[in-house]
Amino acid sequence: MVEINLLEKYPSSKRPVEERAIQRTAEDVALAKQFGKEYFDGTRMQGYGGYYYHERFWTEVVKDFIKYYGLKENSKILDVGCGKGFMLHDFRRAIPGVTVSGIDISQYAIDNAMEDVKPFLQIGNAKDLSMFKYKEFDLVISINTVHNLKLEECRQALKEIQRVGKDAFITVDAWRREEERERLHKWNLTAETYMHVDDWKKLFTEVGYMGDYYWFIVE
């Protein structure tokens, strides 16, 4: 396991943390947890506030993944929680011929995925990757997805990612200091399991997750 920020080139944006904490309602949270239109393309009180592709988001990030994991045209990549397939689209642009697959719990995201990757996406849940074989993928990526499961399901998801991937990289909601915990609590809409970074590391060891990882920390 290596703690490494492979998302450091993803453009940062100022999050309206205090605004969301004050304005969001129980209905907003309920809608967000359905992972439908409201979550992706509703308001910032319900999720992304509009989830659209722009090459500036993933292009440079993908290059770092390719270099770090030595990915080539014969590599196979799985994105667990792929959304509309933006990252997989950029992998295909960067490595013509690469094999990509993606799963997401959201029918809305799959239906509105980028056309070039839509044939490679399917509905699925991180806790059950039984449609994939042991070590089928050279790399499994799961960004801000595993923490949306309750703890026991989270454990299972980590085991499944370990099972199907030769390498893996995940990011999860976490905090290092009390002020980060407070900001995460104010910002969170969908996460069911979020912990101090040390507790996440203990969990990784307990379930046998040997992949790489980093944290989504609300700055």
C-alpha atoms as a PDB file:
ATOM      1  CA  MET A   1       0.000   0.000   0.000  1.00  0.00           C
ATOM      2  CA  VAL A   2       1.237   3.461  -0.877  1.00  0.00           C
ATOM      3  CA  GLU A   3      -0.376   6.747   0.144  1.00  0.00           C
ATOM      4  CA  ILE A   4       0.007   8.828  -2.997  1.00  0.00           C
ATOM      5  CA  ASN A   5      -1.924  11.763  -4.389  1.00  0.00           C
ATOM      6  CA  LEU A   6      -2.376  10.846  -8.035  1.00  0.00           C
ATOM      7  CA  LEU A   7      -5.109  13.476  -8.284  1.00  0.00           C
ATOM      8  CA  GLU A   8      -2.869  16.431  -7.490  1.00  0.00           C
ATOM      9  CA  LYS A   9      -3.261  17.809 -11.044  1.00  0.00           C
ATOM     10  CA  TYR A  10      -7.060  17.720 -10.884  1.00  0.00           C
ATOM     11  CA  PRO A  11      -8.140  21.403 -10.883  1.00  0.00           C
ATOM     12  CA  SER A  12      -9.294  22.552  -7.472  1.00  0.00           C
ATOM     13  CA  SER A  13     -12.360  24.673  -6.879  1.00  0.00           C
ATOM     14  CA  LYS A  14     -13.718  26.576  -3.917  1.00  0.00           C
ATOM     15  CA  ARG A  15     -16.520  24.595  -2.292  1.00  0.00           C
ATOM     16  CA  PRO A  16     -19.426  26.457  -0.707  1.00  0.00           C
ATOM     17  CA  VAL A  17     -19.099  24.447   2.503  1.00  0.00           C
ATOM     18  CA  GLU A  18     -20.840  26.822   4.872  1.00  0.00           C
ATOM     19  CA  GLU A  19     -23.576  27.558   2.341  1.00  0.00           C
ATOM     20  CA  ARG A  20     -24.345  23.872   1.892  1.00  0.00           C
ATOM     21  CA  ALA A  21     -24.308  23.234   5.644  1.00  0.00           C
ATOM     22  CA  ILE A  22     -26.869  25.977   6.184  1.00  0.00           C
ATOM     23  CA  GLN A  23     -29.104  25.544   3.137  1.00  0.00           C
ATOM     24  CA  ARG A  24     -29.278  21.807   2.465  1.00  0.00           C
ATOM     25  CA  THR A  25     -32.385  20.005   3.606  1.00  0.00           C
ATOM     26  CA  ALA A  26     -33.218  16.402   4.448  1.00  0.00           C
ATOM     27  CA  GLU A  27     -34.839  16.219   1.015  1.00  0.00           C
ATOM     28  CA  ASP A  28     -31.584  17.358  -0.624  1.00  0.00           C
ATOM     29  CA  VAL A  29     -29.666  14.585   1.144  1.00  0.00           C
ATOM     30  CA  ALA A  30     -32.281  11.989   0.208  1.00  0.00           C
ATOM     31  CA  LEU A  31     -32.139  13.046  -3.449  1.00  0.00           C
ATOM     32  CA  ALA A  32     -28.338  12.976  -3.466  1.00  0.00           C
ATOM     33  CA  LYS A  33     -28.312   9.409  -2.146  1.00  0.00           C
ATOM     34  CA  GLN A  34     -30.418   8.286  -5.104  1.00  0.00           C
ATOM     35  CA  PHE A  35     -27.482   9.194  -7.405  1.00  0.00           C
ATOM     36  CA  GLY A  36     -29.890  10.334 -10.100  1.00  0.00           C
ATOM     37  CA  LYS A  37     -30.308  13.513 -12.111  1.00  0.00           C
ATOM     38  CA  GLU A  38     -30.415  15.721  -9.023  1.00  0.00           C
ATOM     39  CA  TYR A  39     -27.076  14.398  -7.769  1.00  0.00           C
ATOM     40  CA  PHE A  40     -25.220  14.864 -11.039  1.00  0.00           C
ATOM     41  CA  ASP A  41     -27.028  17.762 -12.666  1.00  0.00           C
ATOM     42  CA  GLY A  42     -29.104  19.352  -9.916  1.00  0.00           C
ATOM     43  CA  THR A  43     -27.970  22.045  -7.496  1.00  0.00           C
ATOM     44  CA  ARG A  44     -24.849  22.153  -5.325  1.00  0.00           C
ATOM     45  CA  MET A  45     -27.127  21.396  -2.381  1.00  0.00           C
ATOM     46  CA  GLN A  46     -27.810  17.973  -3.948  1.00  0.00           C
ATOM     47  CA  GLY A  47     -24.462  17.062  -5.484  1.00  0.00           C
ATOM     48  CA  TYR A  48     -22.198  18.266  -8.269  1.00  0.00           C
ATOM     49  CA  GLY A  49     -24.374  21.107  -9.464  1.00  0.00           C
ATOM     50  CA  GLY A  50     -23.767  20.022 -13.060  1.00  0.00           C
ATOM     51  CA  TYR A  51     -21.436  17.171 -14.024  1.00  0.00           C
ATOM     52  CA  TYR A  52     -19.967  17.922 -17.446  1.00  0.00           C
ATOM     53  CA  TYR A  53     -16.876  16.818 -19.326  1.00  0.00           C
ATOM     54  CA  HIS A  54     -13.966  19.172 -19.843  1.00  0.00           C
ATOM     55  CA  GLU A  55     -10.543  17.950 -20.912  1.00  0.00           C
ATOM     56  CA  ARG A  56      -8.814  20.108 -18.289  1.00  0.00           C
ATOM     57  CA  PHE A  57     -10.142  17.925 -15.476  1.00  0.00           C
ATOM     58  CA  TRP A  58      -8.749  14.462 -16.200  1.00  0.00           C
ATOM     59  CA  THR A  59      -6.225  14.799 -19.035  1.00  0.00           C
ATOM     60  CA  GLU A  60      -3.171  15.481 -16.874  1.00  0.00           C
ATOM     61  CA  VAL A  61      -4.369  13.190 -14.076  1.00  0.00           C
ATOM     62  CA  VAL A  62      -4.657  10.294 -16.501  1.00  0.00           C
ATOM     63  CA  LYS A  63      -1.096  10.896 -17.712  1.00  0.00           C
ATOM     64  CA  ASP A  64       0.149  10.486 -14.141  1.00  0.00           C
ATOM     65  CA  PHE A  65      -1.790   7.228 -13.723  1.00  0.00           C
ATOM     66  CA  ILE A  66      -0.336   5.899 -16.981  1.00  0.00           C
ATOM     67  CA  LYS A  67       3.214   6.745 -15.944  1.00  0.00           C
ATOM     68  CA  TYR A  68       2.892   5.508 -12.355  1.00  0.00           C
ATOM     69  CA  TYR A  69       1.301   2.164 -13.216  1.00  0.00           C
ATOM     70  CA  GLY A  70       3.084   1.637 -16.530  1.00  0.00           C
ATOM     71  CA  LEU A  71      -0.165   1.317 -18.484  1.00  0.00           C
ATOM     72  CA  LYS A  72       0.008   0.367 -22.160  1.00  0.00           C
ATOM     73  CA  GLU A  73      -2.337  -0.391 -25.062  1.00  0.00           C
ATOM     74  CA  ASN A  74      -2.781  -3.972 -23.865  1.00  0.00           C
ATOM     75  CA  SER A  75      -3.714  -2.887 -20.317  1.00  0.00           C
ATOM     76  CA  LYS A  76      -7.177  -3.368 -18.837  1.00  0.00           C
ATOM     77  CA  ILE A  77      -8.643  -0.669 -16.566  1.00  0.00           C
ATOM     78  CA  LEU A  78     -11.758  -0.770 -14.401  1.00  0.00           C
ATOM     79  CA  ASP A  79     -13.344   2.361 -12.933  1.00  0.00           C
ATOM     80  CA  VAL A  80     -15.592   1.537  -9.963  1.00  0.00           C
ATOM     81  CA  GLY A  81     -18.003   4.460  -9.630  1.00  0.00           C
ATOM     82  CA  CYS A  82     -17.314   5.691 -13.141  1.00  0.00           C
ATOM     83  CA  GLY A  83     -20.140   8.228 -13.323  1.00  0.00           C
ATOM     84  CA  LYS A  84     -20.491   9.426 -16.904  1.00  0.00           C
ATOM     85  CA  GLY A  85     -17.173   7.869 -17.926  1.00  0.00           C
ATOM     86  CA  PHE A  86     -15.072  11.000 -18.157  1.00  0.00           C
ATOM     87  CA  MET A  87     -11.873   9.451 -16.818  1.00  0.00           C
ATOM     88  CA  LEU A  88     -12.211   6.354 -18.989  1.00  0.00           C
ATOM     89  CA  HIS A  89     -12.762   8.587 -22.017  1.00  0.00           C
ATOM     90  CA  ASP A  90      -9.450  10.302 -21.331  1.00  0.00           C
ATOM     91  CA  PHE A  91      -7.662   6.979 -20.833  1.00  0.00           C
ATOM     92  CA  ARG A  92      -8.869   5.974 -24.308  1.00  0.00           C
ATOM     93  CA  ARG A  93      -7.620   9.251 -25.740  1.00  0.00           C
ATOM     94  CA  ALA A  94      -4.236   8.850 -24.068  1.00  0.00           C
ATOM     95  CA  ILE A  95      -3.742   5.142 -24.918  1.00  0.00           C
ATOM     96  CA  PRO A  96      -5.489   4.151 -28.158  1.00  0.00           C
ATOM     97  CA  GLY A  97      -6.510   0.511 -27.929  1.00  0.00           C
ATOM     98  CA  VAL A  98      -6.569   0.295 -24.133  1.00  0.00           C
ATOM     99  CA  THR A  99      -9.396  -1.831 -22.681  1.00  0.00           C
ATOM    100  CA  VAL A 100     -11.675   0.019 -20.271  1.00  0.00           C
ATOM    101  CA  SER A 101     -14.646  -1.010 -18.163  1.00  0.00           C
ATOM    102  CA  GLY A 102     -16.752   0.934 -15.724  1.00  0.00           C
ATOM    103  CA  ILE A 103     -19.525   0.333 -13.245  1.00  0.00           C
ATOM    104  CA  ASP A 104     -21.756   2.787 -11.474  1.00  0.00           C
ATOM    105  CA  ILE A 105     -24.807   2.452  -9.281  1.00  0.00           C
ATOM    106  CA  SER A 106     -26.505   5.272 -11.183  1.00  0.00           C
ATOM    107  CA  GLN A 107     -28.690   4.447 -14.170  1.00  0.00           C
ATOM    108  CA  TYR A 108     -28.829   8.182 -14.890  1.00  0.00           C
ATOM    109  CA  ALA A 109     -25.023   8.392 -15.115  1.00  0.00           C
ATOM    110  CA  ILE A 110     -24.792   5.403 -17.429  1.00  0.00           C
ATOM    111  CA  ASP A 111     -27.613   6.686 -19.645  1.00  0.00           C
ATOM    112  CA  ASN A 112     -25.869  10.061 -19.914  1.00  0.00           C
ATOM    113  CA  ALA A 113     -22.327   8.752 -20.281  1.00  0.00           C
ATOM    114  CA  MET A 114     -19.988   9.845 -23.047  1.00  0.00           C
ATOM    115  CA  GLU A 115     -20.907   7.985 -26.207  1.00  0.00           C
ATOM    116  CA  ASP A 116     -17.468   6.512 -26.892  1.00  0.00           C
ATOM    117  CA  VAL A 117     -17.323   4.746 -23.516  1.00  0.00           C
ATOM    118  CA  LYS A 118     -20.995   3.941 -22.976  1.00  0.00           C
ATOM    119  CA  PRO A 119     -20.635   0.424 -24.506  1.00  0.00           C
ATOM    120  CA  PHE A 120     -18.084  -0.406 -21.793  1.00  0.00           C
ATOM    121  CA  LEU A 121     -20.171   0.723 -18.807  1.00  0.00           C
ATOM    122  CA  GLN A 122     -22.751  -1.147 -16.761  1.00  0.00           C
ATOM    123  CA  ILE A 123     -24.821  -0.787 -13.632  1.00  0.00           C
ATOM    124  CA  GLY A 124     -23.039  -2.245 -10.623  1.00  0.00           C
ATOM    125  CA  ASN A 125     -22.178  -1.847  -6.975  1.00  0.00           C
ATOM    126  CA  ALA A 126     -18.638  -1.712  -5.602  1.00  0.00           C
ATOM    127  CA  LYS A 127     -19.471  -4.338  -2.974  1.00  0.00           C
ATOM    128  CA  ASP A 128     -20.154  -6.981  -5.647  1.00  0.00           C
ATOM    129  CA  LEU A 129     -17.787  -7.259  -8.597  1.00  0.00           C
ATOM    130  CA  SER A 130     -18.683 -10.888  -9.259  1.00  0.00           C
ATOM    131  CA  MET A 131     -19.113 -10.123 -12.969  1.00  0.00           C
ATOM    132  CA  PHE A 132     -15.317  -9.807 -13.136  1.00  0.00           C
ATOM    133  CA  LYS A 133     -12.673 -12.504 -12.769  1.00  0.00           C
ATOM    134  CA  TYR A 134      -9.763 -12.759 -10.338  1.00  0.00           C
ATOM    135  CA  LYS A 135      -7.047 -10.241 -11.300  1.00  0.00           C
ATOM    136  CA  GLU A 136      -8.864  -9.476 -14.527  1.00  0.00           C
ATOM    137  CA  PHE A 137      -7.669  -5.857 -14.562  1.00  0.00           C
ATOM    138  CA  ASP A 138      -4.215  -4.338 -14.542  1.00  0.00           C
ATOM    139  CA  LEU A 139      -5.627  -1.379 -12.635  1.00  0.00           C
ATOM    140  CA  VAL A 140      -8.824  -0.785 -10.678  1.00  0.00           C
ATOM    141  CA  ILE A 141      -9.640   2.836  -9.843  1.00  0.00           C
ATOM    142  CA  SER A 142     -12.336   3.953  -7.441  1.00  0.00           C
ATOM    143  CA  ILE A 143     -12.528   7.661  -6.701  1.00  0.00           C
ATOM    144  CA  ASN A 144     -14.884   8.922  -3.987  1.00  0.00           C
ATOM    145  CA  THR A 145     -17.108   5.851  -4.203  1.00  0.00           C
ATOM    146  CA  VAL A 146     -16.258   3.232  -1.565  1.00  0.00           C
ATOM    147  CA  HIS A 147     -17.148   5.572   1.294  1.00  0.00           C
ATOM    148  CA  ASN A 148     -20.753   5.736   0.036  1.00  0.00           C
ATOM    149  CA  LEU A 149     -21.269   2.255   1.479  1.00  0.00           C
ATOM    150  CA  LYS A 150     -21.942   1.320   5.082  1.00  0.00           C
ATOM    151  CA  LEU A 151     -18.939  -0.087   6.928  1.00  0.00           C
ATOM    152  CA  GLU A 152     -19.552  -3.802   6.306  1.00  0.00           C
ATOM    153  CA  GLU A 153     -20.306  -3.164   2.626  1.00  0.00           C
ATOM    154  CA  CYS A 154     -17.247  -0.940   2.494  1.00  0.00           C
ATOM    155  CA  ARG A 155     -15.150  -3.852   3.729  1.00  0.00           C
ATOM    156  CA  GLN A 156     -16.580  -6.061   1.009  1.00  0.00           C
ATOM    157  CA  ALA A 157     -15.929  -3.451  -1.679  1.00  0.00           C
ATOM    158  CA  LEU A 158     -12.281  -3.189  -0.689  1.00  0.00           C
ATOM    159  CA  LYS A 159     -11.944  -6.987  -0.834  1.00  0.00           C
ATOM    160  CA  GLU A 160     -13.579  -7.054  -4.271  1.00  0.00           C
ATOM    161  CA  ILE A 161     -11.325  -4.320  -5.637  1.00  0.00           C
ATOM    162  CA  GLN A 162      -8.318  -6.238  -4.317  1.00  0.00           C
ATOM    163  CA  ARG A 163      -9.613  -9.447  -5.895  1.00  0.00           C
ATOM    164  CA  VAL A 164     -10.168  -8.202  -9.443  1.00  0.00           C
ATOM    165  CA  GLY A 165      -7.198  -5.847  -9.752  1.00  0.00           C
ATOM    166  CA  LYS A 166      -3.472  -6.456 -10.072  1.00  0.00           C
ATOM    167  CA  ASP A 167      -3.054  -2.835  -8.958  1.00  0.00           C
ATOM    168  CA  ALA A 168      -5.607  -0.507  -7.407  1.00  0.00           C
ATOM    169  CA  PHE A 169      -6.045   3.115  -6.428  1.00  0.00           C
ATOM    170  CA  ILE A 170      -8.868   4.540  -4.322  1.00  0.00           C
ATOM    171  CA  THR A 171      -9.792   7.818  -2.674  1.00  0.00           C
ATOM    172  CA  VAL A 172     -12.143   8.053   0.306  1.00  0.00           C
ATOM    173  CA  ASP A 173     -13.583  10.768   2.539  1.00  0.00           C
ATOM    174  CA  ALA A 174     -11.262  11.297   5.489  1.00  0.00           C
ATOM    175  CA  TRP A 175      -9.770  13.795   7.882  1.00  0.00           C
ATOM    176  CA  ARG A 176      -6.472  14.347   9.691  1.00  0.00           C
ATOM    177  CA  ARG A 177      -7.471  17.152  12.052  1.00  0.00           C
ATOM    178  CA  GLU A 178     -10.643  18.140  13.859  1.00  0.00           C
ATOM    179  CA  GLU A 179     -11.320  21.150  11.632  1.00  0.00           C
ATOM    180  CA  GLU A 180     -11.182  18.862   8.579  1.00  0.00           C
ATOM    181  CA  ARG A 181     -13.661  16.511  10.225  1.00  0.00           C
ATOM    182  CA  GLU A 182     -16.037  19.405  10.855  1.00  0.00           C
ATOM    183  CA  ARG A 183     -15.800  20.646   7.270  1.00  0.00           C
ATOM    184  CA  LEU A 184     -16.339  17.159   5.892  1.00  0.00           C
ATOM    185  CA  HIS A 185     -19.430  16.740   8.044  1.00  0.00           C
ATOM    186  CA  LYS A 186     -20.805  20.039   6.729  1.00  0.00           C
ATOM    187  CA  TRP A 187     -20.075  19.110   3.100  1.00  0.00           C
ATOM    188  CA  ASN A 188     -21.023  15.436   3.070  1.00  0.00           C
ATOM    189  CA  LEU A 189     -24.193  14.343   1.300  1.00  0.00           C
ATOM    190  CA  THR A 190     -23.700  10.685   0.423  1.00  0.00           C
ATOM    191  CA  ALA A 191     -20.839   9.135   2.400  1.00  0.00           C
ATOM    192  CA  GLU A 192     -21.881   6.457   4.886  1.00  0.00           C
ATOM    193  CA  THR A 193     -18.345   5.639   6.068  1.00  0.00           C
ATOM    194  CA  TYR A 194     -15.837   8.394   6.696  1.00  0.00           C
ATOM    195  CA  MET A 195     -13.028   8.265   9.222  1.00  0.00           C
ATOM    196  CA  HIS A 196      -9.689   9.594  10.367  1.00  0.00           C
ATOM    197  CA  VAL A 197      -6.926   8.602   7.953  1.00  0.00           C
ATOM    198  CA  ASP A 198      -5.378   6.284  10.551  1.00  0.00           C
ATOM    199  CA  ASP A 199      -8.666   4.399  10.928  1.00  0.00           C
ATOM    200  CA  TRP A 200      -8.880   3.952   7.172  1.00  0.00           C
ATOM    201  CA  LYS A 201      -5.362   2.512   7.143  1.00  0.00           C
ATOM    202  CA  LYS A 202      -6.317   0.046   9.872  1.00  0.00           C
ATOM    203  CA  LEU A 203      -9.352  -0.999   7.825  1.00  0.00           C
ATOM    204  CA  PHE A 204      -7.224  -1.527   4.710  1.00  0.00           C
ATOM    205  CA  THR A 205      -4.953  -3.844   6.686  1.00  0.00           C
ATOM    206  CA  GLU A 206      -7.878  -5.721   8.266  1.00  0.00           C
ATOM    207  CA  VAL A 207      -9.494  -6.571   4.924  1.00  0.00           C
ATOM    208  CA  GLY A 208      -6.258  -7.253   3.051  1.00  0.00           C
ATOM    209  CA  TYR A 209      -6.456  -4.270   0.703  1.00  0.00           C
ATOM    210  CA  MET A 210      -2.966  -3.861  -0.734  1.00  0.00           C
ATOM    211  CA  GLY A 211      -3.616  -1.148  -3.312  1.00  0.00           C
ATOM    212  CA  ASP A 212      -2.705   2.517  -3.254  1.00  0.00           C
ATOM    213  CA  TYR A 213      -4.893   5.198  -1.745  1.00  0.00           C
ATOM    214  CA  TYR A 214      -5.402   8.857  -0.996  1.00  0.00           C
ATOM    215  CA  TRP A 215      -7.943  11.010   0.788  1.00  0.00           C
ATOM    216  CA  PHE A 216     -10.757  13.347  -0.161  1.00  0.00           C
ATOM    217  CA  ILE A 217     -10.306  16.081   2.439  1.00  0.00           C
ATOM    218  CA  VAL A 218     -12.530  19.146   2.390  1.00  0.00           C
ATOM    219  CA  GLU A 219     -10.201  22.140   2.474  1.00  0.00           C
END
